[in-house]
Amino acid sequence: MRGFAALVLLAMPLAASAQAHFHHVHLNATNPATAIEFYTSKFKARRESFAGLGDAVWTGDSWLLFTKVDSPPPRLPSRKRRSTSASTMKSTRSGSRARRASAVPQELP
């Protein structure tokens, strides 16, 4: 029992340190001023100057730093969505009802 207690005590600092923390995160933005406005209006954050490098967002724990880019990243090809129209849903439901009706009940041993 004493060995188990020692193991628990040893594991506690490891569990606490497993959470990641970032000093700062770099974000690309076509309009950094608009991005800063977004983050400061939606989250508990404020506009600050970071190490004389320009405007950034301070969240209280980490910095969001913005790099001006000319264009947004290319979009990934979108996957084709299945139709969820009423007629499709109706035919699916009636099809599953027909499958259930045609199933042959089996006797359990």
C-alpha atoms as a PDB file:
ATOM      1  CA  MET A   1       0.000   0.000   0.000  1.00  0.00           C
ATOM      2  CA  ARG A   2       2.863   2.355   0.798  1.00  0.00           C
ATOM      3  CA  GLY A   3       4.323   1.719  -2.680  1.00  0.00           C
ATOM      4  CA  PHE A   4       0.999   2.651  -4.293  1.00  0.00           C
ATOM      5  CA  ALA A   5       0.875   5.952  -2.365  1.00  0.00           C
ATOM      6  CA  ALA A   6       4.418   6.772  -3.473  1.00  0.00           C
ATOM      7  CA  LEU A   7       3.501   5.992  -7.069  1.00  0.00           C
ATOM      8  CA  VAL A   8       0.473   8.311  -6.879  1.00  0.00           C
ATOM      9  CA  LEU A   9       2.613  11.105  -5.424  1.00  0.00           C
ATOM     10  CA  LEU A  10       5.191  10.667  -8.177  1.00  0.00           C
ATOM     11  CA  ALA A  11       2.527  10.698 -10.898  1.00  0.00           C
ATOM     12  CA  MET A  12       0.836  13.912  -9.717  1.00  0.00           C
ATOM     13  CA  PRO A  13       3.476  16.367 -11.014  1.00  0.00           C
ATOM     14  CA  LEU A  14       3.562  14.507 -14.343  1.00  0.00           C
ATOM     15  CA  ALA A  15      -0.203  14.847 -14.823  1.00  0.00           C
ATOM     16  CA  ALA A  16      -0.088  18.552 -13.998  1.00  0.00           C
ATOM     17  CA  SER A  17       2.756  19.212 -16.429  1.00  0.00           C
ATOM     18  CA  ALA A  18       1.123  17.278 -19.301  1.00  0.00           C
ATOM     19  CA  GLN A  19      -0.984  20.316 -20.243  1.00  0.00           C
ATOM     20  CA  ALA A  20       0.563  22.283 -23.109  1.00  0.00           C
ATOM     21  CA  HIS A  21       1.290  25.996 -22.848  1.00  0.00           C
ATOM     22  CA  PHE A  22       2.381  28.233 -25.686  1.00  0.00           C
ATOM     23  CA  HIS A  23       4.184  31.526 -25.127  1.00  0.00           C
ATOM     24  CA  HIS A  24       3.002  32.725 -28.524  1.00  0.00           C
ATOM     25  CA  VAL A  25       1.292  31.498 -31.683  1.00  0.00           C
ATOM     26  CA  HIS A  26       1.886  32.864 -35.186  1.00  0.00           C
ATOM     27  CA  LEU A  27      -1.177  33.367 -37.401  1.00  0.00           C
ATOM     28  CA  ASN A  28      -1.209  34.404 -41.051  1.00  0.00           C
ATOM     29  CA  ALA A  29      -3.789  37.070 -41.893  1.00  0.00           C
ATOM     30  CA  THR A  30      -4.637  38.988 -45.037  1.00  0.00           C
ATOM     31  CA  ASN A  31      -5.739  41.860 -42.791  1.00  0.00           C
ATOM     32  CA  PRO A  32      -4.040  41.696 -39.372  1.00  0.00           C
ATOM     33  CA  ALA A  33      -5.992  44.678 -37.991  1.00  0.00           C
ATOM     34  CA  THR A  34      -9.310  42.933 -38.708  1.00  0.00           C
ATOM     35  CA  ALA A  35      -8.006  39.683 -37.208  1.00  0.00           C
ATOM     36  CA  ILE A  36      -6.908  41.518 -34.055  1.00  0.00           C
ATOM     37  CA  GLU A  37     -10.320  43.177 -33.831  1.00  0.00           C
ATOM     38  CA  PHE A  38     -12.002  39.764 -34.142  1.00  0.00           C
ATOM     39  CA  TYR A  39      -9.948  38.102 -31.397  1.00  0.00           C
ATOM     40  CA  THR A  40     -10.277  41.033 -28.978  1.00  0.00           C
ATOM     41  CA  SER A  41     -14.044  41.227 -29.487  1.00  0.00           C
ATOM     42  CA  LYS A  42     -14.772  37.485 -29.133  1.00  0.00           C
ATOM     43  CA  PHE A  43     -12.349  36.462 -26.382  1.00  0.00           C
ATOM     44  CA  LYS A  44     -10.983  37.909 -23.161  1.00  0.00           C
ATOM     45  CA  ALA A  45      -7.983  39.428 -24.891  1.00  0.00           C
ATOM     46  CA  ARG A  46      -6.552  42.844 -25.598  1.00  0.00           C
ATOM     47  CA  ARG A  47      -4.459  44.542 -28.266  1.00  0.00           C
ATOM     48  CA  GLU A  48      -0.845  45.013 -27.178  1.00  0.00           C
ATOM     49  CA  SER A  49       2.528  45.652 -28.751  1.00  0.00           C
ATOM     50  CA  PHE A  50       4.743  42.570 -28.707  1.00  0.00           C
ATOM     51  CA  ALA A  51       8.456  43.208 -28.173  1.00  0.00           C
ATOM     52  CA  GLY A  52       8.367  46.224 -30.472  1.00  0.00           C
ATOM     53  CA  LEU A  53       7.452  44.013 -33.435  1.00  0.00           C
ATOM     54  CA  GLY A  54       3.970  45.377 -33.897  1.00  0.00           C
ATOM     55  CA  ASP A  55       0.411  44.849 -32.771  1.00  0.00           C
ATOM     56  CA  ALA A  56      -0.516  41.515 -31.263  1.00  0.00           C
ATOM     57  CA  VAL A  57      -3.185  40.041 -29.014  1.00  0.00           C
ATOM     58  CA  TRP A  58      -2.463  39.231 -25.360  1.00  0.00           C
ATOM     59  CA  THR A  59      -4.802  36.591 -23.932  1.00  0.00           C
ATOM     60  CA  GLY A  60      -3.472  36.734 -20.399  1.00  0.00           C
ATOM     61  CA  ASP A  61      -1.482  33.534 -20.921  1.00  0.00           C
ATOM     62  CA  SER A  62      -0.194  33.661 -24.489  1.00  0.00           C
ATOM     63  CA  TRP A  63       0.410  36.005 -27.413  1.00  0.00           C
ATOM     64  CA  LEU A  64      -1.244  35.825 -30.829  1.00  0.00           C
ATOM     65  CA  LEU A  65       1.146  37.270 -33.407  1.00  0.00           C
ATOM     66  CA  PHE A  66      -0.073  38.114 -36.907  1.00  0.00           C
ATOM     67  CA  THR A  67       1.905  37.944 -40.130  1.00  0.00           C
ATOM     68  CA  LYS A  68       0.526  39.870 -43.118  1.00  0.00           C
ATOM     69  CA  VAL A  69       0.048  37.620 -46.168  1.00  0.00           C
ATOM     70  CA  ASP A  70      -1.220  38.503 -49.651  1.00  0.00           C
ATOM     71  CA  SER A  71      -3.819  35.774 -50.002  1.00  0.00           C
ATOM     72  CA  PRO A  72      -5.560  33.159 -47.851  1.00  0.00           C
ATOM     73  CA  PRO A  73      -4.381  29.544 -48.066  1.00  0.00           C
ATOM     74  CA  PRO A  74      -5.785  27.424 -50.892  1.00  0.00           C
ATOM     75  CA  ARG A  75      -9.018  25.674 -50.020  1.00  0.00           C
ATOM     76  CA  LEU A  76      -9.039  21.930 -49.695  1.00  0.00           C
ATOM     77  CA  PRO A  77     -11.320  20.104 -52.090  1.00  0.00           C
ATOM     78  CA  SER A  78     -14.725  19.755 -50.478  1.00  0.00           C
ATOM     79  CA  ARG A  79     -16.320  16.377 -50.074  1.00  0.00           C
ATOM     80  CA  LYS A  80     -19.598  15.796 -51.813  1.00  0.00           C
ATOM     81  CA  ARG A  81     -22.465  16.068 -49.354  1.00  0.00           C
ATOM     82  CA  ARG A  82     -25.293  13.610 -49.350  1.00  0.00           C
ATOM     83  CA  SER A  83     -28.690  15.058 -50.040  1.00  0.00           C
ATOM     84  CA  THR A  84     -30.988  15.355 -47.058  1.00  0.00           C
ATOM     85  CA  SER A  85     -34.075  16.484 -48.891  1.00  0.00           C
ATOM     86  CA  ALA A  86     -37.502  15.361 -47.687  1.00  0.00           C
ATOM     87  CA  SER A  87     -37.990  13.033 -50.668  1.00  0.00           C
ATOM     88  CA  THR A  88     -34.655  11.329 -50.039  1.00  0.00           C
ATOM     89  CA  MET A  89     -35.432  10.867 -46.360  1.00  0.00           C
ATOM     90  CA  LYS A  90     -38.919   9.527 -47.156  1.00  0.00           C
ATOM     91  CA  SER A  91     -37.603   6.967 -49.635  1.00  0.00           C
ATOM     92  CA  THR A  92     -34.919   5.890 -47.186  1.00  0.00           C
ATOM     93  CA  ARG A  93     -37.462   5.398 -44.410  1.00  0.00           C
ATOM     94  CA  SER A  94     -39.867   3.447 -46.605  1.00  0.00           C
ATOM     95  CA  GLY A  95     -36.978   1.344 -47.896  1.00  0.00           C
ATOM     96  CA  SER A  96     -35.866   0.436 -44.383  1.00  0.00           C
ATOM     97  CA  ARG A  97     -39.477  -0.390 -43.442  1.00  0.00           C
ATOM     98  CA  ALA A  98     -39.702  -2.725 -46.437  1.00  0.00           C
ATOM     99  CA  ARG A  99     -36.426  -4.406 -45.455  1.00  0.00           C
ATOM    100  CA  ARG A 100     -37.678  -4.946 -41.903  1.00  0.00           C
ATOM    101  CA  ALA A 101     -41.009  -6.358 -43.144  1.00  0.00           C
ATOM    102  CA  SER A 102     -39.284  -8.842 -45.434  1.00  0.00           C
ATOM    103  CA  ALA A 103     -36.879 -10.072 -42.766  1.00  0.00           C
ATOM    104  CA  VAL A 104     -37.546 -13.614 -41.690  1.00  0.00           C
ATOM    105  CA  PRO A 105     -37.686 -13.962 -37.909  1.00  0.00           C
ATOM    106  CA  GLN A 106     -35.222 -16.460 -36.522  1.00  0.00           C
ATOM    107  CA  GLU A 107     -35.796 -18.633 -33.530  1.00  0.00           C
ATOM    108  CA  LEU A 108     -33.412 -18.215 -30.655  1.00  0.00           C
ATOM    109  CA  PRO A 109     -31.859 -21.408 -29.190  1.00  0.00           C
END
